[in-house]
């Protein structure tokens, strides 16, 4: 896992505890997780917490990340889903065969980005935010680096 860069998307209304837990587990494993948002700044999470964005989708394009985590939390997912940059970010991570972890409600972001509902490979993970195995499963998939079984020419999304 060392030095793998992971984008964790955030917006107001995301479920923050699972994201903070994943961020800590990834950091402990030697990865470099970043909270990425449509803009820089502080974002309110469910339960009253906050997350400070390390990067924006404008200053940190998806190509520099090795993997992507999509948040749970309906309000946050709705906010991200209404931003075209999010859809480009998600589609590019998928197209470049990077590992994607979609937590809970964020699966709608996959659909909005044009990723087929049945898309399934070792790097396309759909889990509940409360799943205790999420970090371990995600890190194992990220260790594979890319998932070429989803590659198509021309790209599907």
N, C-alpha and C. Protein backbone atom coordinates (compact mmCIF):
# COMPACT_ATOMS: atom_id res chain seq x y z
N UNK A 1 0.81 -1.21 0.00
CA UNK A 1 0.00 0.00 0.00
C UNK A 1 0.84 1.26 0.00
N UNK A 2 2.11 1.16 0.31
CA UNK A 2 2.89 2.38 0.51
C UNK A 2 2.84 3.29 -0.71
N UNK A 3 2.71 4.53 -0.45
CA UNK A 3 2.69 5.65 -1.39
C UNK A 3 1.54 5.63 -2.39
N UNK A 4 0.59 4.75 -2.27
CA UNK A 4 -0.58 4.80 -3.15
C UNK A 4 -1.40 6.02 -2.76
N UNK A 5 -1.75 6.82 -3.76
CA UNK A 5 -2.55 8.02 -3.52
C UNK A 5 -4.03 7.68 -3.68
N UNK A 6 -4.81 8.03 -2.67
CA UNK A 6 -6.23 7.70 -2.65
C UNK A 6 -7.04 8.99 -2.51
N UNK A 7 -7.99 9.20 -3.42
CA UNK A 7 -8.91 10.33 -3.34
C UNK A 7 -10.15 9.88 -2.58
N UNK A 8 -10.54 10.65 -1.58
CA UNK A 8 -11.77 10.41 -0.82
C UNK A 8 -12.65 11.63 -1.08
N UNK A 9 -13.73 11.46 -1.85
CA UNK A 9 -14.57 12.60 -2.21
C UNK A 9 -15.43 13.04 -1.03
N UNK A 10 -15.54 14.35 -0.86
CA UNK A 10 -16.35 14.92 0.23
C UNK A 10 -17.17 16.11 -0.27
N UNK A 11 -18.26 16.35 0.43
CA UNK A 11 -19.13 17.51 0.22
C UNK A 11 -19.94 17.66 1.49
N UNK A 12 -20.63 18.77 1.64
CA UNK A 12 -21.50 18.93 2.80
C UNK A 12 -22.53 17.81 2.83
N UNK A 13 -22.69 17.18 3.99
CA UNK A 13 -23.71 16.15 4.15
C UNK A 13 -23.22 14.73 3.94
N UNK A 14 -21.92 14.51 3.78
CA UNK A 14 -21.42 13.14 3.68
C UNK A 14 -21.37 12.51 5.07
N UNK A 15 -21.36 11.19 5.10
CA UNK A 15 -21.22 10.46 6.36
C UNK A 15 -19.73 10.46 6.68
N UNK A 16 -19.33 11.25 7.66
CA UNK A 16 -17.91 11.51 7.90
C UNK A 16 -17.15 10.48 8.69
N UNK A 17 -17.79 9.79 9.61
CA UNK A 17 -17.05 8.86 10.47
C UNK A 17 -16.39 7.74 9.66
N UNK A 18 -17.11 7.18 8.69
CA UNK A 18 -16.53 6.11 7.89
C UNK A 18 -15.36 6.63 7.06
N UNK A 19 -15.48 7.86 6.55
CA UNK A 19 -14.40 8.44 5.75
C UNK A 19 -13.16 8.70 6.59
N UNK A 20 -13.37 9.23 7.79
CA UNK A 20 -12.24 9.49 8.68
C UNK A 20 -11.57 8.19 9.10
N UNK A 21 -12.36 7.15 9.34
CA UNK A 21 -11.82 5.84 9.71
C UNK A 21 -11.00 5.25 8.56
N UNK A 22 -11.53 5.33 7.34
CA UNK A 22 -10.79 4.84 6.18
C UNK A 22 -9.51 5.65 5.97
N UNK A 23 -9.60 6.96 6.13
CA UNK A 23 -8.42 7.82 5.99
C UNK A 23 -7.33 7.39 6.96
N UNK A 24 -7.71 7.14 8.22
CA UNK A 24 -6.73 6.72 9.24
C UNK A 24 -6.14 5.36 8.91
N UNK A 25 -6.98 4.41 8.49
CA UNK A 25 -6.48 3.06 8.16
C UNK A 25 -5.53 3.11 6.96
N UNK A 26 -5.85 3.92 5.97
CA UNK A 26 -4.98 4.04 4.80
C UNK A 26 -3.64 4.69 5.17
N UNK A 27 -3.71 5.72 5.99
CA UNK A 27 -2.48 6.39 6.44
C UNK A 27 -1.60 5.41 7.21
N UNK A 28 -2.21 4.64 8.12
CA UNK A 28 -1.47 3.65 8.89
C UNK A 28 -0.82 2.60 8.00
N UNK A 29 -1.44 2.30 6.85
CA UNK A 29 -0.91 1.31 5.93
C UNK A 29 0.15 1.89 4.99
N UNK A 30 0.40 3.20 5.11
CA UNK A 30 1.43 3.81 4.28
C UNK A 30 0.92 4.48 3.02
N UNK A 31 -0.40 4.50 2.83
CA UNK A 31 -0.97 5.17 1.67
C UNK A 31 -1.02 6.67 1.93
N UNK A 32 -1.39 7.41 0.89
CA UNK A 32 -1.48 8.87 0.99
C UNK A 32 -2.91 9.27 0.61
N UNK A 33 -3.84 9.22 1.58
CA UNK A 33 -5.22 9.59 1.27
C UNK A 33 -5.40 11.11 1.31
N UNK A 34 -6.28 11.61 0.44
CA UNK A 34 -6.60 13.04 0.40
C UNK A 34 -8.11 13.20 0.33
N UNK A 35 -8.64 14.12 1.13
CA UNK A 35 -10.04 14.49 1.00
C UNK A 35 -10.13 15.48 -0.16
N UNK A 36 -10.89 15.09 -1.18
CA UNK A 36 -11.01 15.89 -2.40
C UNK A 36 -12.47 16.34 -2.53
N UNK A 37 -12.67 17.61 -2.84
CA UNK A 37 -14.01 18.18 -2.92
C UNK A 37 -14.13 19.08 -4.15
N UNK A 38 -15.34 19.51 -4.45
CA UNK A 38 -15.50 20.45 -5.57
C UNK A 38 -14.73 21.76 -5.36
N UNK A 39 -14.50 22.12 -4.10
CA UNK A 39 -13.74 23.33 -3.77
C UNK A 39 -12.95 23.07 -2.50
N UNK A 40 -11.96 23.87 -2.24
CA UNK A 40 -11.23 23.78 -0.98
C UNK A 40 -12.10 24.34 0.14
N UNK A 41 -11.86 23.89 1.36
CA UNK A 41 -12.59 24.43 2.50
C UNK A 41 -13.04 23.33 3.44
N UNK A 42 -13.89 23.72 4.36
CA UNK A 42 -14.41 22.82 5.39
C UNK A 42 -15.81 22.38 4.99
N UNK A 43 -16.10 21.09 5.22
CA UNK A 43 -17.39 20.52 4.88
C UNK A 43 -18.02 19.87 6.10
N UNK A 44 -19.31 20.15 6.31
CA UNK A 44 -20.06 19.58 7.43
C UNK A 44 -20.48 18.16 7.08
N UNK A 45 -20.33 17.26 8.05
CA UNK A 45 -20.72 15.87 7.84
C UNK A 45 -21.96 15.55 8.66
N UNK A 46 -22.56 14.41 8.38
CA UNK A 46 -23.67 13.97 9.20
C UNK A 46 -23.16 13.77 10.61
N UNK A 47 -23.97 14.00 11.58
CA UNK A 47 -23.55 13.83 12.96
C UNK A 47 -22.83 15.04 13.52
N UNK A 48 -22.70 16.11 12.74
CA UNK A 48 -22.12 17.34 13.25
C UNK A 48 -20.63 17.49 13.12
N UNK A 49 -19.95 16.55 12.50
CA UNK A 49 -18.51 16.67 12.32
C UNK A 49 -18.15 17.53 11.13
N UNK A 50 -16.86 17.71 10.92
CA UNK A 50 -16.36 18.46 9.76
C UNK A 50 -15.17 17.73 9.16
N UNK A 51 -14.99 17.94 7.87
CA UNK A 51 -13.83 17.44 7.15
C UNK A 51 -13.26 18.59 6.34
N UNK A 52 -11.96 18.78 6.43
CA UNK A 52 -11.27 19.81 5.66
C UNK A 52 -10.76 19.17 4.37
N UNK A 53 -11.13 19.75 3.23
CA UNK A 53 -10.67 19.24 1.94
C UNK A 53 -9.19 19.56 1.77
N UNK A 54 -8.41 18.55 1.39
CA UNK A 54 -6.99 18.71 1.12
C UNK A 54 -6.75 19.22 -0.30
N UNK A 55 -7.72 18.94 -1.17
CA UNK A 55 -7.55 19.27 -2.58
C UNK A 55 -8.93 19.48 -3.20
N UNK A 56 -8.94 20.15 -4.35
CA UNK A 56 -10.19 20.31 -5.09
C UNK A 56 -10.09 19.49 -6.38
N UNK A 57 -11.22 19.27 -6.99
CA UNK A 57 -11.23 18.52 -8.25
C UNK A 57 -10.58 19.33 -9.37
N UNK A 58 -10.46 20.63 -9.17
CA UNK A 58 -9.80 21.47 -10.17
C UNK A 58 -8.29 21.43 -10.04
N UNK A 59 -7.77 21.36 -8.81
CA UNK A 59 -6.31 21.39 -8.66
C UNK A 59 -5.69 20.00 -8.50
N UNK A 60 -6.51 18.98 -8.46
CA UNK A 60 -6.01 17.61 -8.31
C UNK A 60 -6.81 16.68 -9.22
N UNK A 61 -6.42 16.55 -10.46
CA UNK A 61 -7.18 15.73 -11.41
C UNK A 61 -7.13 14.25 -11.03
N UNK A 62 -8.11 13.47 -11.48
CA UNK A 62 -8.19 12.06 -11.10
C UNK A 62 -6.98 11.23 -11.50
N UNK A 63 -6.28 11.62 -12.54
CA UNK A 63 -5.15 10.83 -13.03
C UNK A 63 -4.02 10.71 -11.99
N UNK A 64 -3.93 11.64 -11.04
CA UNK A 64 -2.84 11.56 -10.06
C UNK A 64 -3.14 10.60 -8.91
N UNK A 65 -4.37 10.07 -8.86
CA UNK A 65 -4.75 9.16 -7.78
C UNK A 65 -4.78 7.71 -8.25
N UNK A 66 -4.41 6.81 -7.34
CA UNK A 66 -4.40 5.38 -7.62
C UNK A 66 -5.73 4.71 -7.31
N UNK A 67 -6.58 5.38 -6.54
CA UNK A 67 -7.85 4.79 -6.13
C UNK A 67 -8.80 5.89 -5.68
N UNK A 68 -10.07 5.50 -5.52
CA UNK A 68 -11.13 6.46 -5.20
C UNK A 68 -12.09 5.86 -4.18
N UNK A 69 -12.48 6.68 -3.19
CA UNK A 69 -13.53 6.30 -2.24
C UNK A 69 -14.66 7.30 -2.39
N UNK A 70 -15.86 6.77 -2.62
CA UNK A 70 -17.07 7.58 -2.73
C UNK A 70 -17.83 7.49 -1.41
N UNK A 71 -18.29 8.62 -0.87
CA UNK A 71 -18.88 8.64 0.47
C UNK A 71 -20.32 8.18 0.53
N UNK A 72 -20.75 7.82 1.73
CA UNK A 72 -22.16 7.59 2.01
C UNK A 72 -22.73 8.93 2.50
N UNK A 73 -24.03 8.99 2.62
CA UNK A 73 -24.69 10.21 3.09
C UNK A 73 -25.45 10.85 1.95
N UNK A 74 -26.79 10.72 1.97
CA UNK A 74 -27.61 11.15 0.85
C UNK A 74 -27.39 12.62 0.46
N UNK A 75 -27.36 13.52 1.43
CA UNK A 75 -27.20 14.94 1.10
C UNK A 75 -25.85 15.20 0.42
N UNK A 76 -24.79 14.58 0.92
CA UNK A 76 -23.47 14.74 0.32
C UNK A 76 -23.39 14.13 -1.07
N UNK A 77 -23.99 12.96 -1.22
CA UNK A 77 -24.01 12.29 -2.52
C UNK A 77 -24.80 13.13 -3.53
N UNK A 78 -25.93 13.68 -3.08
CA UNK A 78 -26.72 14.55 -3.97
C UNK A 78 -25.91 15.77 -4.40
N UNK A 79 -25.17 16.37 -3.47
CA UNK A 79 -24.34 17.53 -3.80
C UNK A 79 -23.26 17.16 -4.81
N UNK A 80 -22.58 16.05 -4.59
CA UNK A 80 -21.55 15.60 -5.52
C UNK A 80 -22.15 15.23 -6.87
N UNK A 81 -23.32 14.60 -6.85
CA UNK A 81 -23.96 14.17 -8.08
C UNK A 81 -24.44 15.32 -8.95
N UNK A 82 -24.61 16.50 -8.36
CA UNK A 82 -25.02 17.66 -9.12
C UNK A 82 -23.86 18.45 -9.70
N UNK A 83 -22.66 17.95 -9.54
CA UNK A 83 -21.45 18.63 -10.01
C UNK A 83 -20.81 17.81 -11.13
N UNK A 84 -20.75 18.36 -12.32
CA UNK A 84 -20.20 17.65 -13.47
C UNK A 84 -18.77 17.20 -13.28
N UNK A 85 -18.00 17.94 -12.49
CA UNK A 85 -16.60 17.55 -12.23
C UNK A 85 -16.52 16.23 -11.49
N UNK A 86 -17.50 15.98 -10.62
CA UNK A 86 -17.54 14.70 -9.90
C UNK A 86 -17.73 13.57 -10.89
N UNK A 87 -18.65 13.74 -11.83
CA UNK A 87 -18.93 12.68 -12.80
C UNK A 87 -17.69 12.40 -13.66
N UNK A 88 -16.98 13.44 -14.06
CA UNK A 88 -15.74 13.26 -14.82
C UNK A 88 -14.69 12.54 -13.97
N UNK A 89 -14.58 12.92 -12.72
CA UNK A 89 -13.61 12.33 -11.81
C UNK A 89 -13.87 10.83 -11.67
N UNK A 90 -15.13 10.48 -11.41
CA UNK A 90 -15.49 9.07 -11.22
C UNK A 90 -15.29 8.28 -12.51
N UNK A 91 -15.77 8.83 -13.63
CA UNK A 91 -15.63 8.14 -14.92
C UNK A 91 -14.17 7.91 -15.27
N UNK A 92 -13.31 8.90 -15.02
CA UNK A 92 -11.90 8.74 -15.33
C UNK A 92 -11.23 7.69 -14.44
N UNK A 93 -11.59 7.63 -13.18
CA UNK A 93 -11.04 6.59 -12.31
C UNK A 93 -11.45 5.20 -12.83
N UNK A 94 -12.69 5.07 -13.23
CA UNK A 94 -13.17 3.79 -13.77
C UNK A 94 -12.46 3.47 -15.09
N UNK A 95 -12.41 4.43 -15.97
CA UNK A 95 -11.81 4.23 -17.30
C UNK A 95 -10.34 3.85 -17.20
N UNK A 96 -9.65 4.37 -16.20
CA UNK A 96 -8.23 4.06 -16.02
C UNK A 96 -8.00 2.84 -15.14
N UNK A 97 -9.09 2.08 -14.92
CA UNK A 97 -9.02 0.78 -14.23
C UNK A 97 -8.52 0.88 -12.79
N UNK A 98 -8.82 2.01 -12.14
CA UNK A 98 -8.40 2.21 -10.76
C UNK A 98 -9.44 1.61 -9.80
N UNK A 99 -9.04 1.29 -8.60
CA UNK A 99 -9.94 0.75 -7.58
C UNK A 99 -10.91 1.84 -7.13
N UNK A 100 -12.20 1.47 -7.05
CA UNK A 100 -13.23 2.39 -6.58
C UNK A 100 -14.02 1.69 -5.49
N UNK A 101 -14.17 2.36 -4.36
CA UNK A 101 -15.01 1.89 -3.26
C UNK A 101 -16.20 2.84 -3.16
N UNK A 102 -17.40 2.32 -3.44
CA UNK A 102 -18.63 3.10 -3.33
C UNK A 102 -19.34 2.69 -2.05
N UNK A 103 -19.45 3.63 -1.12
CA UNK A 103 -20.09 3.36 0.16
C UNK A 103 -21.56 3.76 0.11
N UNK A 104 -22.43 2.86 0.50
CA UNK A 104 -23.86 3.15 0.66
C UNK A 104 -24.49 3.91 -0.50
N UNK A 105 -25.01 5.10 -0.19
CA UNK A 105 -25.76 5.90 -1.15
C UNK A 105 -24.95 6.34 -2.36
N UNK A 106 -23.63 6.29 -2.28
CA UNK A 106 -22.80 6.80 -3.38
C UNK A 106 -22.85 5.94 -4.63
N UNK A 107 -23.48 4.80 -4.56
CA UNK A 107 -23.58 3.97 -5.76
C UNK A 107 -24.32 4.71 -6.88
N UNK A 108 -25.16 5.67 -6.51
CA UNK A 108 -25.85 6.47 -7.52
C UNK A 108 -24.85 7.29 -8.34
N UNK A 109 -23.72 7.65 -7.74
CA UNK A 109 -22.69 8.40 -8.48
C UNK A 109 -22.09 7.55 -9.60
N UNK A 110 -21.98 6.24 -9.36
CA UNK A 110 -21.48 5.35 -10.40
C UNK A 110 -22.43 5.37 -11.60
N UNK A 111 -23.71 5.27 -11.32
CA UNK A 111 -24.71 5.29 -12.39
C UNK A 111 -24.68 6.61 -13.15
N UNK A 112 -24.64 7.72 -12.41
CA UNK A 112 -24.61 9.04 -13.06
C UNK A 112 -23.36 9.23 -13.91
N UNK A 113 -22.27 8.57 -13.54
CA UNK A 113 -21.01 8.68 -14.29
C UNK A 113 -21.00 7.74 -15.50
N UNK A 114 -22.07 6.97 -15.67
CA UNK A 114 -22.16 6.08 -16.83
C UNK A 114 -21.55 4.71 -16.63
N UNK A 115 -21.22 4.37 -15.40
CA UNK A 115 -20.64 3.06 -15.11
C UNK A 115 -21.77 2.05 -15.05
N UNK A 116 -21.71 0.98 -15.82
CA UNK A 116 -22.79 0.00 -15.87
C UNK A 116 -23.13 -0.55 -14.48
N UNK A 117 -24.44 -0.66 -14.20
CA UNK A 117 -24.90 -1.14 -12.89
C UNK A 117 -24.31 -2.50 -12.54
N UNK A 118 -24.09 -3.35 -13.51
CA UNK A 118 -23.55 -4.68 -13.26
C UNK A 118 -22.03 -4.76 -13.29
N UNK A 119 -21.37 -3.59 -13.43
CA UNK A 119 -19.91 -3.59 -13.49
C UNK A 119 -19.34 -4.22 -12.22
N UNK A 120 -18.59 -5.28 -12.42
CA UNK A 120 -18.05 -5.99 -11.26
C UNK A 120 -16.69 -6.57 -11.60
N UNK A 121 -15.72 -6.21 -10.81
CA UNK A 121 -14.39 -6.79 -10.90
C UNK A 121 -13.74 -6.59 -9.54
N UNK A 122 -12.52 -7.04 -9.38
CA UNK A 122 -11.86 -6.98 -8.08
C UNK A 122 -11.62 -5.55 -7.59
N UNK A 123 -11.70 -4.58 -8.50
CA UNK A 123 -11.47 -3.20 -8.13
C UNK A 123 -12.70 -2.34 -8.04
N UNK A 124 -13.88 -2.94 -8.25
CA UNK A 124 -15.14 -2.21 -8.15
C UNK A 124 -15.87 -2.72 -6.91
N UNK A 125 -15.74 -1.98 -5.82
CA UNK A 125 -16.27 -2.43 -4.54
C UNK A 125 -17.49 -1.61 -4.14
N UNK A 126 -18.55 -2.29 -3.78
CA UNK A 126 -19.76 -1.64 -3.29
C UNK A 126 -20.02 -2.19 -1.90
N UNK A 127 -19.93 -1.32 -0.89
CA UNK A 127 -20.06 -1.77 0.49
C UNK A 127 -20.85 -0.76 1.32
N UNK A 128 -21.32 -1.20 2.47
CA UNK A 128 -21.96 -0.29 3.41
C UNK A 128 -20.87 0.45 4.17
N UNK A 129 -21.17 1.69 4.54
CA UNK A 129 -20.19 2.49 5.29
C UNK A 129 -19.85 1.84 6.62
N UNK A 130 -20.78 1.07 7.16
CA UNK A 130 -20.57 0.43 8.46
C UNK A 130 -19.81 -0.89 8.37
N UNK A 131 -19.49 -1.34 7.17
CA UNK A 131 -18.82 -2.63 6.99
C UNK A 131 -17.40 -2.56 7.55
N UNK A 132 -17.13 -3.35 8.56
CA UNK A 132 -15.82 -3.35 9.22
C UNK A 132 -14.70 -3.84 8.31
N UNK A 133 -15.05 -4.60 7.27
CA UNK A 133 -14.04 -5.14 6.36
C UNK A 133 -13.72 -4.18 5.21
N UNK A 134 -14.39 -3.02 5.16
CA UNK A 134 -14.22 -2.10 4.02
C UNK A 134 -12.76 -1.71 3.82
N UNK A 135 -12.08 -1.29 4.87
CA UNK A 135 -10.69 -0.84 4.72
C UNK A 135 -9.79 -1.96 4.24
N UNK A 136 -9.90 -3.13 4.84
CA UNK A 136 -9.06 -4.27 4.47
C UNK A 136 -9.33 -4.69 3.02
N UNK A 137 -10.60 -4.78 2.64
CA UNK A 137 -10.97 -5.19 1.28
C UNK A 137 -10.48 -4.17 0.26
N UNK A 138 -10.66 -2.89 0.59
CA UNK A 138 -10.23 -1.82 -0.31
C UNK A 138 -8.71 -1.84 -0.48
N UNK A 139 -7.97 -1.97 0.62
CA UNK A 139 -6.51 -1.96 0.53
C UNK A 139 -5.99 -3.14 -0.28
N UNK A 140 -6.63 -4.29 -0.18
CA UNK A 140 -6.22 -5.44 -0.99
C UNK A 140 -6.44 -5.17 -2.47
N UNK A 141 -7.54 -4.51 -2.80
CA UNK A 141 -7.82 -4.18 -4.20
C UNK A 141 -6.85 -3.12 -4.72
N UNK A 142 -6.54 -2.12 -3.89
CA UNK A 142 -5.60 -1.07 -4.28
C UNK A 142 -4.21 -1.65 -4.51
N UNK A 143 -3.84 -2.65 -3.73
CA UNK A 143 -2.52 -3.28 -3.88
C UNK A 143 -2.34 -3.91 -5.25
N UNK A 144 -3.45 -4.25 -5.92
CA UNK A 144 -3.39 -4.81 -7.27
C UNK A 144 -3.09 -3.72 -8.30
N UNK A 145 -3.13 -2.48 -7.89
CA UNK A 145 -2.87 -1.27 -8.66
C UNK A 145 -3.97 -0.98 -9.67
N UNK A 146 -4.07 -1.72 -10.72
CA UNK A 146 -5.11 -1.50 -11.74
C UNK A 146 -5.88 -2.79 -11.97
N UNK A 147 -7.03 -2.63 -12.62
CA UNK A 147 -7.92 -3.76 -12.87
C UNK A 147 -8.24 -3.80 -14.37
N UNK A 148 -7.31 -4.34 -15.16
CA UNK A 148 -7.42 -4.27 -16.62
C UNK A 148 -8.61 -5.04 -17.20
N UNK A 149 -9.24 -5.89 -16.41
CA UNK A 149 -10.38 -6.63 -16.93
C UNK A 149 -11.54 -5.70 -17.31
N UNK A 150 -11.56 -4.47 -16.83
CA UNK A 150 -12.63 -3.54 -17.18
C UNK A 150 -12.26 -2.66 -18.37
N UNK A 151 -11.04 -2.79 -18.85
CA UNK A 151 -10.59 -1.93 -19.94
C UNK A 151 -11.29 -2.31 -21.24
N UNK A 152 -11.75 -1.28 -21.96
CA UNK A 152 -12.37 -1.49 -23.27
C UNK A 152 -11.83 -0.45 -24.24
N UNK A 153 -11.89 -0.76 -25.50
CA UNK A 153 -11.46 0.17 -26.54
C UNK A 153 -12.54 0.25 -27.60
N UNK A 154 -13.25 1.33 -27.72
CA UNK A 154 -13.11 2.58 -26.97
C UNK A 154 -13.66 2.43 -25.55
N UNK A 155 -13.34 3.35 -24.66
CA UNK A 155 -13.83 3.27 -23.28
C UNK A 155 -15.35 3.28 -23.23
N UNK A 156 -15.93 2.46 -22.33
CA UNK A 156 -17.38 2.38 -22.20
C UNK A 156 -17.96 3.64 -21.57
N UNK A 157 -17.22 4.30 -20.71
CA UNK A 157 -17.73 5.54 -20.07
C UNK A 157 -16.82 6.70 -20.39
